[in-house]
PDB file of N, CA and C in Angstrom:
ATOM      1  N   UNK A   1      17.752 124.049  67.153  1.00  0.00           N
ATOM      2  CA  UNK A   1      19.011 123.635  67.732  1.00  0.00           C
ATOM      3  C   UNK A   1      18.901 122.157  68.098  1.00  0.00           C
ATOM      4  N   UNK A   2      19.872 121.346  67.707  1.00  0.00           N
ATOM      5  CA  UNK A   2      19.851 119.923  68.025  1.00  0.00           C
ATOM      6  C   UNK A   2      20.740 119.652  69.231  1.00  0.00           C
ATOM      7  N   UNK A   3      20.394 118.619  69.970  1.00  0.00           N
ATOM      8  CA  UNK A   3      21.164 118.263  71.153  1.00  0.00           C
ATOM      9  C   UNK A   3      22.466 117.591  70.741  1.00  0.00           C
ATOM     10  N   UNK A   4      23.503 117.865  71.506  1.00  0.00           N
ATOM     11  CA  UNK A   4      24.796 117.233  71.267  1.00  0.00           C
ATOM     12  C   UNK A   4      24.726 115.770  71.698  1.00  0.00           C
ATOM     13  N   UNK A   5      25.355 114.871  70.958  1.00  0.00           N
ATOM     14  CA  UNK A   5      25.392 113.479  71.412  1.00  0.00           C
ATOM     15  C   UNK A   5      26.227 113.387  72.685  1.00  0.00           C
ATOM     16  N   UNK A   6      25.939 112.379  73.516  1.00  0.00           N
ATOM     17  CA  UNK A   6      26.724 112.231  74.747  1.00  0.00           C
ATOM     18  C   UNK A   6      28.203 112.031  74.429  1.00  0.00           C
ATOM     19  N   UNK A   7      29.048 112.508  75.322  1.00  0.00           N
ATOM     20  CA  UNK A   7      30.487 112.381  75.115  1.00  0.00           C
ATOM     21  C   UNK A   7      30.940 110.961  75.437  1.00  0.00           C
ATOM     22  N   UNK A   8      32.079 110.596  74.887  1.00  0.00           N
ATOM     23  CA  UNK A   8      32.664 109.301  75.208  1.00  0.00           C
ATOM     24  C   UNK A   8      32.935 109.184  76.702  1.00  0.00           C
ATOM     25  N   UNK A   9      33.347 110.293  77.317  1.00  0.00           N
ATOM     26  CA  UNK A   9      33.604 110.271  78.753  1.00  0.00           C
ATOM     27  C   UNK A   9      32.336 109.877  79.518  1.00  0.00           C
ATOM     28  N   UNK A  10      31.202 110.437  79.113  1.00  0.00           N
ATOM     29  CA  UNK A  10      29.944 110.120  79.786  1.00  0.00           C
ATOM     30  C   UNK A  10      29.570 108.652  79.590  1.00  0.00           C
ATOM     31  N   UNK A  11      29.780 108.135  78.386  1.00  0.00           N
ATOM     32  CA  UNK A  11      29.437 106.739  78.099  1.00  0.00           C
ATOM     33  C   UNK A  11      30.324 105.800  78.914  1.00  0.00           C
ATOM     34  N   UNK A  12      31.643 106.001  78.852  1.00  0.00           N
ATOM     35  CA  UNK A  12      32.541 105.104  79.571  1.00  0.00           C
ATOM     36  C   UNK A  12      32.400 105.264  81.083  1.00  0.00           C
ATOM     37  N   UNK A  13      32.125 106.453  81.546  1.00  0.00           N
ATOM     38  CA  UNK A  13      31.892 106.660  82.972  1.00  0.00           C
ATOM     39  C   UNK A  13      30.641 105.908  83.425  1.00  0.00           C
ATOM     40  N   UNK A  14      29.596 105.959  82.604  1.00  0.00           N
ATOM     41  CA  UNK A  14      28.361 105.235  82.934  1.00  0.00           C
ATOM     42  C   UNK A  14      28.615 103.733  82.964  1.00  0.00           C
ATOM     43  N   UNK A  15      29.403 103.230  82.036  1.00  0.00           N
ATOM     44  CA  UNK A  15      29.683 101.793  81.959  1.00  0.00           C
ATOM     45  C   UNK A  15      30.654 101.329  83.038  1.00  0.00           C
ATOM     46  N   UNK A  16      31.355 102.242  83.671  1.00  0.00           N
ATOM     47  CA  UNK A  16      32.356 101.871  84.671  1.00  0.00           C
ATOM     48  C   UNK A  16      31.736 101.343  85.960  1.00  0.00           C
ATOM     49  N   UNK A  17      30.474 101.643  86.191  1.00  0.00           N
ATOM     50  CA  UNK A  17      29.834 101.243  87.442  1.00  0.00           C
ATOM     51  C   UNK A  17      29.115  99.904  87.284  1.00  0.00           C
ATOM     52  N   UNK A  18      29.385  98.933  88.152  1.00  0.00           N
ATOM     53  CA  UNK A  18      28.760  97.618  88.015  1.00  0.00           C
ATOM     54  C   UNK A  18      27.239  97.641  88.179  1.00  0.00           C
ATOM     55  N   UNK A  19      26.724  98.518  89.012  1.00  0.00           N
ATOM     56  CA  UNK A  19      25.269  98.610  89.169  1.00  0.00           C
ATOM     57  C   UNK A  19      24.637  99.059  87.862  1.00  0.00           C
ATOM     58  N   UNK A  20      25.243 100.045  87.204  1.00  0.00           N
ATOM     59  CA  UNK A  20      24.687 100.525  85.936  1.00  0.00           C
ATOM     60  C   UNK A  20      24.796  99.463  84.845  1.00  0.00           C
ATOM     61  N   UNK A  21      25.886  98.692  84.831  1.00  0.00           N
ATOM     62  CA  UNK A  21      25.986  97.608  83.856  1.00  0.00           C
ATOM     63  C   UNK A  21      24.922  96.548  84.113  1.00  0.00           C
ATOM     64  N   UNK A  22      24.635  96.264  85.372  1.00  0.00           N
ATOM     65  CA  UNK A  22      23.581  95.311  85.706  1.00  0.00           C
ATOM     66  C   UNK A  22      22.226  95.835  85.241  1.00  0.00           C
ATOM     67  N   UNK A  23      21.983  97.115  85.430  1.00  0.00           N
ATOM     68  CA  UNK A  23      20.725  97.719  84.968  1.00  0.00           C
ATOM     69  C   UNK A  23      20.604  97.582  83.459  1.00  0.00           C
ATOM     70  N   UNK A  24      21.678  97.845  82.733  1.00  0.00           N
ATOM     71  CA  UNK A  24      21.638  97.682  81.273  1.00  0.00           C
ATOM     72  C   UNK A  24      21.287  96.245  80.903  1.00  0.00           C
ATOM     73  N   UNK A  25      21.853  95.297  81.621  1.00  0.00           N
ATOM     74  CA  UNK A  25      21.531  93.896  81.375  1.00  0.00           C
ATOM     75  C   UNK A  25      20.058  93.602  81.606  1.00  0.00           C
ATOM     76  N   UNK A  26      19.493  94.195  82.629  1.00  0.00           N
ATOM     77  CA  UNK A  26      18.068  94.005  82.907  1.00  0.00           C
ATOM     78  C   UNK A  26      17.216  94.584  81.781  1.00  0.00           C
ATOM     79  N   UNK A  27      17.627  95.731  81.261  1.00  0.00           N
ATOM     80  CA  UNK A  27      16.843  96.401  80.222  1.00  0.00           C
ATOM     81  C   UNK A  27      16.997  95.735  78.856  1.00  0.00           C
ATOM     82  N   UNK A  28      17.964  94.815  78.723  1.00  0.00           N
ATOM     83  CA  UNK A  28      18.067  94.058  77.478  1.00  0.00           C
ATOM     84  C   UNK A  28      16.832  93.195  77.278  1.00  0.00           C
ATOM     85  N   UNK A  29      16.224  92.779  78.373  1.00  0.00           N
ATOM     86  CA  UNK A  29      15.047  91.908  78.302  1.00  0.00           C
ATOM     87  C   UNK A  29      13.811  92.656  77.827  1.00  0.00           C
ATOM     88  N   UNK A  30      13.558  93.817  78.412  1.00  0.00           N
ATOM     89  CA  UNK A  30      12.334  94.558  78.103  1.00  0.00           C
ATOM     90  C   UNK A  30      12.382  95.912  78.796  1.00  0.00           C
ATOM     91  N   UNK A  31      11.477  96.794  78.409  1.00  0.00           N
ATOM     92  CA  UNK A  31      11.313  98.062  79.118  1.00  0.00           C
ATOM     93  C   UNK A  31      10.900  97.745  80.555  1.00  0.00           C
ATOM     94  N   UNK A  32      11.315  98.596  81.473  1.00  0.00           N
ATOM     95  CA  UNK A  32      10.972  98.370  82.873  1.00  0.00           C
ATOM     96  C   UNK A  32      10.617  99.678  83.551  1.00  0.00           C
ATOM     97  N   UNK A  33       9.684  99.608  84.491  1.00  0.00           N
ATOM     98  CA  UNK A  33       9.372 100.750  85.338  1.00  0.00           C
ATOM     99  C   UNK A  33      10.536 100.952  86.299  1.00  0.00           C
ATOM    100  N   UNK A  34      10.759 102.185  86.716  1.00  0.00           N
ATOM    101  CA  UNK A  34      11.863 102.503  87.624  1.00  0.00           C
ATOM    102  C   UNK A  34      11.776 101.647  88.885  1.00  0.00           C
ATOM    103  N   UNK A  35      10.592 101.471  89.426  1.00  0.00           N
ATOM    104  CA  UNK A  35      10.448 100.671  90.646  1.00  0.00           C
ATOM    105  C   UNK A  35      10.843  99.214  90.415  1.00  0.00           C
ATOM    106  N   UNK A  36      10.575  98.689  89.224  1.00  0.00           N
ATOM    107  CA  UNK A  36      10.980  97.316  88.903  1.00  0.00           C
ATOM    108  C   UNK A  36      12.489  97.207  88.730  1.00  0.00           C
ATOM    109  N   UNK A  37      13.093  98.246  88.167  1.00  0.00           N
ATOM    110  CA  UNK A  37      14.558  98.269  88.041  1.00  0.00           C
ATOM    111  C   UNK A  37      15.176  98.246  89.440  1.00  0.00           C
ATOM    112  N   UNK A  38      14.600  98.989  90.364  1.00  0.00           N
ATOM    113  CA  UNK A  38      15.162  99.121  91.712  1.00  0.00           C
ATOM    114  C   UNK A  38      14.964  97.879  92.572  1.00  0.00           C
ATOM    115  N   UNK A  39      13.948  97.079  92.276  1.00  0.00           N
ATOM    116  CA  UNK A  39      13.557  95.965  93.151  1.00  0.00           C
ATOM    117  C   UNK A  39      14.702  95.019  93.538  1.00  0.00           C
ATOM    118  N   UNK A  40      15.559  94.575  92.615  1.00  0.00           N
ATOM    119  CA  UNK A  40      16.584  93.603  93.014  1.00  0.00           C
ATOM    120  C   UNK A  40      17.748  94.181  93.819  1.00  0.00           C
ATOM    121  N   UNK A  41      17.839  95.492  93.898  1.00  0.00           N
ATOM    122  CA  UNK A  41      18.993  96.116  94.538  1.00  0.00           C
ATOM    123  C   UNK A  41      18.686  96.466  95.986  1.00  0.00           C
ATOM    124  N   UNK A  42      19.692  96.394  96.806  1.00  0.00           N
ATOM    125  CA  UNK A  42      19.546  96.747  98.212  1.00  0.00           C
ATOM    126  C   UNK A  42      20.041  98.170  98.461  1.00  0.00           C
ATOM    127  N   UNK A  43      19.617  99.067  97.600  1.00  0.00           N
ATOM    128  CA  UNK A  43      19.909 100.490  97.759  1.00  0.00           C
ATOM    129  C   UNK A  43      18.585 101.238  97.604  1.00  0.00           C
ATOM    130  N   UNK A  44      18.587 102.490  97.936  1.00  0.00           N
ATOM    131  CA  UNK A  44      17.355 103.272  97.889  1.00  0.00           C
ATOM    132  C   UNK A  44      16.893 103.516  96.455  1.00  0.00           C
ATOM    133  N   UNK A  45      15.626 103.816  96.330  1.00  0.00           N
ATOM    134  CA  UNK A  45      15.069 104.181  95.026  1.00  0.00           C
ATOM    135  C   UNK A  45      15.754 105.438  94.501  1.00  0.00           C
ATOM    136  N   UNK A  46      16.096 106.343  95.391  1.00  0.00           N
ATOM    137  CA  UNK A  46      16.804 107.567  94.980  1.00  0.00           C
ATOM    138  C   UNK A  46      18.169 107.233  94.376  1.00  0.00           C
ATOM    139  N   UNK A  47      18.880 106.258  94.950  1.00  0.00           N
ATOM    140  CA  UNK A  47      20.184 105.865  94.410  1.00  0.00           C
ATOM    141  C   UNK A  47      20.024 105.265  93.019  1.00  0.00           C
ATOM    142  N   UNK A  48      19.007 104.422  92.834  1.00  0.00           N
ATOM    143  CA  UNK A  48      18.764 103.828  91.509  1.00  0.00           C
ATOM    144  C   UNK A  48      18.381 104.922  90.524  1.00  0.00           C
ATOM    145  N   UNK A  49      17.578 105.881  90.959  1.00  0.00           N
ATOM    146  CA  UNK A  49      17.197 106.993  90.078  1.00  0.00           C
ATOM    147  C   UNK A  49      18.416 107.769  89.615  1.00  0.00           C
ATOM    148  N   UNK A  50      19.410 107.931  90.489  1.00  0.00           N
ATOM    149  CA  UNK A  50      20.647 108.616  90.103  1.00  0.00           C
ATOM    150  C   UNK A  50      21.412 107.796  89.068  1.00  0.00           C
ATOM    151  N   UNK A  51      21.468 106.483  89.270  1.00  0.00           N
ATOM    152  CA  UNK A  51      22.120 105.620  88.281  1.00  0.00           C
ATOM    153  C   UNK A  51      21.416 105.727  86.930  1.00  0.00           C
ATOM    154  N   UNK A  52      20.092 105.726  86.954  1.00  0.00           N
ATOM    155  CA  UNK A  52      19.325 105.830  85.709  1.00  0.00           C
ATOM    156  C   UNK A  52      19.562 107.177  85.031  1.00  0.00           C
ATOM    157  N   UNK A  53      19.696 108.223  85.817  1.00  0.00           N
ATOM    158  CA  UNK A  53      19.967 109.551  85.251  1.00  0.00           C
ATOM    159  C   UNK A  53      21.327 109.569  84.557  1.00  0.00           C
ATOM    160  N   UNK A  54      22.320 108.898  85.132  1.00  0.00           N
ATOM    161  CA  UNK A  54      23.642 108.828  84.510  1.00  0.00           C
ATOM    162  C   UNK A  54      23.558 108.065  83.192  1.00  0.00           C
ATOM    163  N   UNK A  55      22.839 106.938  83.200  1.00  0.00           N
ATOM    164  CA  UNK A  55      22.678 106.153  81.973  1.00  0.00           C
ATOM    165  C   UNK A  55      21.944 106.952  80.899  1.00  0.00           C
ATOM    166  N   UNK A  56      20.930 107.704  81.303  1.00  0.00           N
ATOM    167  CA  UNK A  56      20.170 108.518  80.341  1.00  0.00           C
ATOM    168  C   UNK A  56      21.035 109.657  79.798  1.00  0.00           C
ATOM    169  N   UNK A  57      21.803 110.305  80.668  1.00  0.00           N
ATOM    170  CA  UNK A  57      22.673 111.401  80.226  1.00  0.00           C
ATOM    171  C   UNK A  57      23.736 110.904  79.256  1.00  0.00           C
ATOM    172  N   UNK A  58      24.142 109.641  79.418  1.00  0.00           N
ATOM    173  CA  UNK A  58      25.140 109.049  78.521  1.00  0.00           C
ATOM    174  C   UNK A  58      24.508 108.536  77.230  1.00  0.00           C
ATOM    175  N   UNK A  59      23.185 108.612  77.131  1.00  0.00           N
ATOM    176  CA  UNK A  59      22.499 108.168  75.923  1.00  0.00           C
ATOM    177  C   UNK A  59      22.343 106.658  75.821  1.00  0.00           C
ATOM    178  N   UNK A  60      22.521 105.952  76.945  1.00  0.00           N
ATOM    179  CA  UNK A  60      22.428 104.491  76.926  1.00  0.00           C
ATOM    180  C   UNK A  60      21.003 103.994  77.172  1.00  0.00           C
ATOM    181  N   UNK A  61      20.190 104.818  77.822  1.00  0.00           N
ATOM    182  CA  UNK A  61      18.784 104.486  78.026  1.00  0.00           C
ATOM    183  C   UNK A  61      17.936 105.727  77.778  1.00  0.00           C
ATOM    184  N   UNK A  62      16.635 105.500  77.618  1.00  0.00           N
ATOM    185  CA  UNK A  62      15.669 106.598  77.569  1.00  0.00           C
ATOM    186  C   UNK A  62      14.665 106.377  78.683  1.00  0.00           C
ATOM    187  N   UNK A  63      14.169 107.450  79.246  1.00  0.00           N
ATOM    188  CA  UNK A  63      13.114 107.363  80.247  1.00  0.00           C
ATOM    189  C   UNK A  63      11.891 108.071  79.692  1.00  0.00           C
ATOM    190  N   UNK A  64      10.736 107.473  79.947  1.00  0.00           N
ATOM    191  CA  UNK A  64       9.486 107.998  79.415  1.00  0.00           C
ATOM    192  C   UNK A  64       8.406 107.870  80.480  1.00  0.00           C
ATOM    193  N   UNK A  65       7.693 108.958  80.696  1.00  0.00           N
ATOM    194  CA  UNK A  65       6.600 108.922  81.655  1.00  0.00           C
ATOM    195  C   UNK A  65       5.341 108.442  80.949  1.00  0.00           C
ATOM    196  N   UNK A  66       4.731 107.410  81.523  1.00  0.00           N
ATOM    197  CA  UNK A  66       3.445 106.898  81.049  1.00  0.00           C
ATOM    198  C   UNK A  66       2.500 106.951  82.233  1.00  0.00           C
ATOM    199  N   UNK A  67       1.666 107.967  82.231  1.00  0.00           N
ATOM    200  CA  UNK A  67       0.811 108.180  83.395  1.00  0.00           C
ATOM    201  C   UNK A  67       1.666 108.583  84.576  1.00  0.00           C
ATOM    202  N   UNK A  68       1.557 107.835  85.667  1.00  0.00           N
ATOM    203  CA  UNK A  68       2.331 108.144  86.872  1.00  0.00           C
ATOM    204  C   UNK A  68       3.617 107.331  86.960  1.00  0.00           C
ATOM    205  N   UNK A  69       3.864 106.493  85.967  1.00  0.00           N
ATOM    206  CA  UNK A  69       5.014 105.586  86.015  1.00  0.00           C
ATOM    207  C   UNK A  69       6.080 106.034  85.018  1.00  0.00           C
ATOM    208  N   UNK A  70       7.328 106.006  85.457  1.00  0.00           N
ATOM    209  CA  UNK A  70       8.451 106.301  84.566  1.00  0.00           C
ATOM    210  C   UNK A  70       9.035 104.980  84.105  1.00  0.00           C
ATOM    211  N   UNK A  71       9.094 104.812  82.786  1.00  0.00           N
ATOM    212  CA  UNK A  71       9.609 103.593  82.180  1.00  0.00           C
ATOM    213  C   UNK A  71      11.003 103.839  81.642  1.00  0.00           C
ATOM    214  N   UNK A  72      11.824 102.821  81.691  1.00  0.00           N
ATOM    215  CA  UNK A  72      13.189 102.883  81.180  1.00  0.00           C
ATOM    216  C   UNK A  72      13.301 101.927  80.005  1.00  0.00           C
ATOM    217  N   UNK A  73      14.004 102.373  78.969  1.00  0.00           N
ATOM    218  CA  UNK A  73      14.175 101.579  77.761  1.00  0.00           C
ATOM    219  C   UNK A  73      15.621 101.702  77.313  1.00  0.00           C
ATOM    220  N   UNK A  74      16.214 100.577  76.936  1.00  0.00           N
ATOM    221  CA  UNK A  74      17.570 100.579  76.415  1.00  0.00           C
ATOM    222  C   UNK A  74      17.603 101.358  75.103  1.00  0.00           C
ATOM    223  N   UNK A  75      18.602 102.204  74.944  1.00  0.00           N
ATOM    224  CA  UNK A  75      18.781 102.968  73.709  1.00  0.00           C
ATOM    225  C   UNK A  75      19.756 102.191  72.829  1.00  0.00           C
ATOM    226  N   UNK A  76      19.258 101.535  71.769  1.00  0.00           N
ATOM    227  CA  UNK A  76      20.118 100.631  71.000  1.00  0.00           C
ATOM    228  C   UNK A  76      21.337 101.288  70.366  1.00  0.00           C
ATOM    229  N   UNK A  77      21.277 102.552  70.025  1.00  0.00           N
ATOM    230  CA  UNK A  77      22.427 103.217  69.407  1.00  0.00           C
ATOM    231  C   UNK A  77      23.337 103.889  70.432  1.00  0.00           C
ATOM    232  N   UNK A  78      23.068 103.675  71.703  1.00  0.00           N
ATOM    233  CA  UNK A  78      23.822 104.356  72.750  1.00  0.00           C
ATOM    234  C   UNK A  78      25.309 104.061  72.763  1.00  0.00           C
ATOM    235  N   UNK A  79      25.681 102.881  72.322  1.00  0.00           N
ATOM    236  CA  UNK A  79      27.096 102.506  72.330  1.00  0.00           C
ATOM    237  C   UNK A  79      27.803 102.775  71.014  1.00  0.00           C
ATOM    238  N   UNK A  80      27.074 103.313  70.048  1.00  0.00           N
ATOM    239  CA  UNK A  80      27.635 103.492  68.711  1.00  0.00           C
ATOM    240  C   UNK A  80      28.917 104.334  68.714  1.00  0.00           C
ATOM    241  N   UNK A  81      28.907 105.487  69.367  1.00  0.00           N
ATOM    242  CA  UNK A  81      30.096 106.345  69.320  1.00  0.00           C
ATOM    243  C   UNK A  81      31.280 105.694  70.034  1.00  0.00           C
ATOM    244  N   UNK A  82      31.015 104.951  71.119  1.00  0.00           N
ATOM    245  CA  UNK A  82      32.107 104.243  71.804  1.00  0.00           C
ATOM    246  C   UNK A  82      32.660 103.146  70.901  1.00  0.00           C
ATOM    247  N   UNK A  83      31.784 102.460  70.192  1.00  0.00           N
ATOM    248  CA  UNK A  83      32.210 101.411  69.270  1.00  0.00           C
ATOM    249  C   UNK A  83      33.066 101.986  68.147  1.00  0.00           C
ATOM    250  N   UNK A  84      32.633 103.103  67.577  1.00  0.00           N
ATOM    251  CA  UNK A  84      33.388 103.751  66.504  1.00  0.00           C
ATOM    252  C   UNK A  84      34.757 104.178  67.020  1.00  0.00           C
ATOM    253  N   UNK A  85      34.800 104.732  68.219  1.00  0.00           N
ATOM    254  CA  UNK A  85      36.077 105.158  68.799  1.00  0.00           C
ATOM    255  C   UNK A  85      37.011 103.969  68.970  1.00  0.00           C
ATOM    256  N   UNK A  86      36.488 102.849  69.506  1.00  0.00           N
ATOM    257  CA  UNK A  86      37.326 101.665  69.719  1.00  0.00           C
ATOM    258  C   UNK A  86      37.802 101.075  68.398  1.00  0.00           C
ATOM    259  N   UNK A  87      36.989 101.157  67.369  1.00  0.00           N
ATOM    260  CA  UNK A  87      37.387 100.641  66.056  1.00  0.00           C
ATOM    261  C   UNK A  87      38.590 101.401  65.506  1.00  0.00           C
ATOM    262  N   UNK A  88      38.742 102.644  65.918  1.00  0.00           N
ATOM    263  CA  UNK A  88      39.871 103.449  65.465  1.00  0.00           C
ATOM    264  C   UNK A  88      41.210 102.860  65.861  1.00  0.00           C
ATOM    265  N   UNK A  89      41.219 101.995  66.854  1.00  0.00           N
ATOM    266  CA  UNK A  89      42.457 101.363  67.276  1.00  0.00           C
ATOM    267  C   UNK A  89      42.757 100.115  66.453  1.00  0.00           C
ATOM    268  N   UNK A  90      41.807  99.681  65.649  1.00  0.00           N
ATOM    269  CA  UNK A  90      42.006  98.540  64.783  1.00  0.00           C
ATOM    270  C   UNK A  90      42.068  97.202  65.494  1.00  0.00           C
ATOM    271  N   UNK A  91      41.865  97.195  66.790  1.00  0.00           N
ATOM    272  CA  UNK A  91      41.936  95.950  67.543  1.00  0.00           C
ATOM    273  C   UNK A  91      40.557  95.430  67.924  1.00  0.00           C
ATOM    274  N   UNK A  92      39.552  96.230  67.721  1.00  0.00           N
ATOM    275  CA  UNK A  92      38.233  95.885  68.215  1.00  0.00           C
ATOM    276  C   UNK A  92      37.251  95.729  67.073  1.00  0.00           C
ATOM    277  N   UNK A  93      36.397  94.779  67.209  1.00  0.00           N
ATOM    278  CA  UNK A  93      35.303  94.599  66.266  1.00  0.00           C
ATOM    279  C   UNK A  93      34.184  95.556  66.658  1.00  0.00           C
ATOM    280  N   UNK A  94      33.276  95.852  65.732  1.00  0.00           N
ATOM    281  CA  UNK A  94      32.127  96.686  66.098  1.00  0.00           C
ATOM    282  C   UNK A  94      31.338  96.019  67.233  1.00  0.00           C
ATOM    283  N   UNK A  95      30.760  96.849  68.094  1.00  0.00           N
ATOM    284  CA  UNK A  95      29.953  96.324  69.196  1.00  0.00           C
ATOM    285  C   UNK A  95      28.670  95.748  68.620  1.00  0.00           C
ATOM    286  N   UNK A  96      28.461  94.481  68.870  1.00  0.00           N
ATOM    287  CA  UNK A  96      27.246  93.792  68.456  1.00  0.00           C
ATOM    288  C   UNK A  96      26.385  93.660  69.702  1.00  0.00           C
ATOM    289  N   UNK A  97      25.157  94.171  69.673  1.00  0.00           N
ATOM    290  CA  UNK A  97      24.326  94.153  70.864  1.00  0.00           C
ATOM    291  C   UNK A  97      24.036  92.739  71.341  1.00  0.00           C
ATOM    292  N   UNK A  98      23.976  91.768  70.433  1.00  0.00           N
ATOM    293  CA  UNK A  98      23.794  90.381  70.862  1.00  0.00           C
ATOM    294  C   UNK A  98      25.009  89.912  71.655  1.00  0.00           C
ATOM    295  N   UNK A  99      26.196  90.256  71.175  1.00  0.00           N
ATOM    296  CA  UNK A  99      27.415  89.909  71.900  1.00  0.00           C
ATOM    297  C   UNK A  99      27.473  90.643  73.237  1.00  0.00           C
ATOM    298  N   UNK A 100      27.038  91.894  73.248  1.00  0.00           N
ATOM    299  CA  UNK A 100      27.026  92.678  74.474  1.00  0.00           C
ATOM    300  C   UNK A 100      26.066  92.041  75.481  1.00  0.00           C
ATOM    301  N   UNK A 101      24.906  91.600  75.001  1.00  0.00           N
ATOM    302  CA  UNK A 101      23.945  90.923  75.877  1.00  0.00           C
ATOM    303  C   UNK A 101      24.575  89.658  76.463  1.00  0.00           C
ATOM    304  N   UNK A 102      25.244  88.884  75.621  1.00  0.00           N
ATOM    305  CA  UNK A 102      25.904  87.663  76.092  1.00  0.00           C
ATOM    306  C   UNK A 102      26.950  88.005  77.153  1.00  0.00           C
ATOM    307  N   UNK A 103      27.733  89.044  76.910  1.00  0.00           N
ATOM    308  CA  UNK A 103      28.731  89.487  77.884  1.00  0.00           C
ATOM    309  C   UNK A 103      28.069  89.839  79.211  1.00  0.00           C
ATOM    310  N   UNK A 104      26.994  90.628  79.148  1.00  0.00           N
ATOM    311  CA  UNK A 104      26.331  91.038  80.379  1.00  0.00           C
ATOM    312  C   UNK A 104      25.796  89.831  81.144  1.00  0.00           C
ATOM    313  N   UNK A 105      25.257  88.860  80.437  1.00  0.00           N
ATOM    314  CA  UNK A 105      24.690  87.676  81.087  1.00  0.00           C
ATOM    315  C   UNK A 105      25.764  86.792  81.722  1.00  0.00           C
ATOM    316  N   UNK A 106      26.926  86.701  81.104  1.00  0.00           N
ATOM    317  CA  UNK A 106      27.943  85.779  81.599  1.00  0.00           C
ATOM    318  C   UNK A 106      28.976  86.435  82.499  1.00  0.00           C
ATOM    319  N   UNK A 107      29.314  87.677  82.249  1.00  0.00           N
ATOM    320  CA  UNK A 107      30.408  88.306  82.984  1.00  0.00           C
ATOM    321  C   UNK A 107      29.957  89.011  84.254  1.00  0.00           C
ATOM    322  N   UNK A 108      28.686  89.331  84.343  1.00  0.00           N
ATOM    323  CA  UNK A 108      28.206  90.057  85.507  1.00  0.00           C
ATOM    324  C   UNK A 108      27.506  89.108  86.466  1.00  0.00           C
ATOM    325  N   UNK A 109      27.510  89.435  87.755  1.00  0.00           N
ATOM    326  CA  UNK A 109      26.800  88.591  88.703  1.00  0.00           C
ATOM    327  C   UNK A 109      25.308  88.571  88.382  1.00  0.00           C
ATOM    328  N   UNK A 110      24.683  87.485  88.762  1.00  0.00           N
ATOM    329  CA  UNK A 110      23.240  87.366  88.534  1.00  0.00           C
ATOM    330  C   UNK A 110      22.523  88.476  89.269  1.00  0.00           C
ATOM    331  N   UNK A 111      21.445  88.952  88.700  1.00  0.00           N
ATOM    332  CA  UNK A 111      20.683  90.062  89.256  1.00  0.00           C
ATOM    333  C   UNK A 111      20.165  89.711  90.646  1.00  0.00           C
ATOM    334  N   UNK A 112      19.818  88.467  90.865  1.00  0.00           N
ATOM    335  CA  UNK A 112      19.286  88.056  92.162  1.00  0.00           C
ATOM    336  C   UNK A 112      20.317  88.009  93.270  1.00  0.00           C
ATOM    337  N   UNK A 113      21.607  88.003  92.939  1.00  0.00           N
ATOM    338  CA  UNK A 113      22.629  87.956  93.976  1.00  0.00           C
ATOM    339  C   UNK A 113      22.812  89.340  94.577  1.00  0.00           C
ATOM    340  N   UNK A 114      23.635  89.408  95.585  1.00  0.00           N
ATOM    341  CA  UNK A 114      23.841  90.680  96.266  1.00  0.00           C
ATOM    342  C   UNK A 114      24.623  91.631  95.380  1.00  0.00           C
ATOM    343  N   UNK A 115      23.977  92.697  94.868  1.00  0.00           N
ATOM    344  CA  UNK A 115      24.698  93.672  94.039  1.00  0.00           C
ATOM    345  C   UNK A 115      25.591  94.543  94.900  1.00  0.00           C
ATOM    346  N   UNK A 116      26.563  95.174  94.291  1.00  0.00           N
ATOM    347  CA  UNK A 116      27.442  96.088  95.042  1.00  0.00           C
ATOM    348  C   UNK A 116      26.618  97.220  95.629  1.00  0.00           C
ATOM    349  N   UNK A 117      26.986  97.630  96.835  1.00  0.00           N
ATOM    350  CA  UNK A 117      26.275  98.737  97.461  1.00  0.00           C
ATOM    351  C   UNK A 117      26.889 100.056  97.060  1.00  0.00           C
ATOM    352  N   UNK A 118      26.059 101.087  97.057  1.00  0.00           N
ATOM    353  CA  UNK A 118      26.541 102.430  96.714  1.00  0.00           C
ATOM    354  C   UNK A 118      26.735 103.224  97.949  1.00  0.00           C
TER     355      UNK A 118
END
């Protein structure tokens, strides 16, 4: 039995939160341990873990245990179904991850600034 791909609702719901979009921007650089993902935020590690679980359930990231550390990695095909859906309207170009990275870097507040609280 194969797993069902995440629904569009799950993907767009995950992207709707600014903290999760900031996390995606951080993971564009490299894989990160959960504790490193949590470091810039002024919320609990448990809150960040919940955000990561939402991103993983939406297929936007993968989490992998290496020893005692859980690592997070951006899932490059995670936005594919959302991109295909948007293309159906004929107004949108395919999502280019380089363009998405540029968007995250310019449109979102810097990671070092005060992120929204949960």
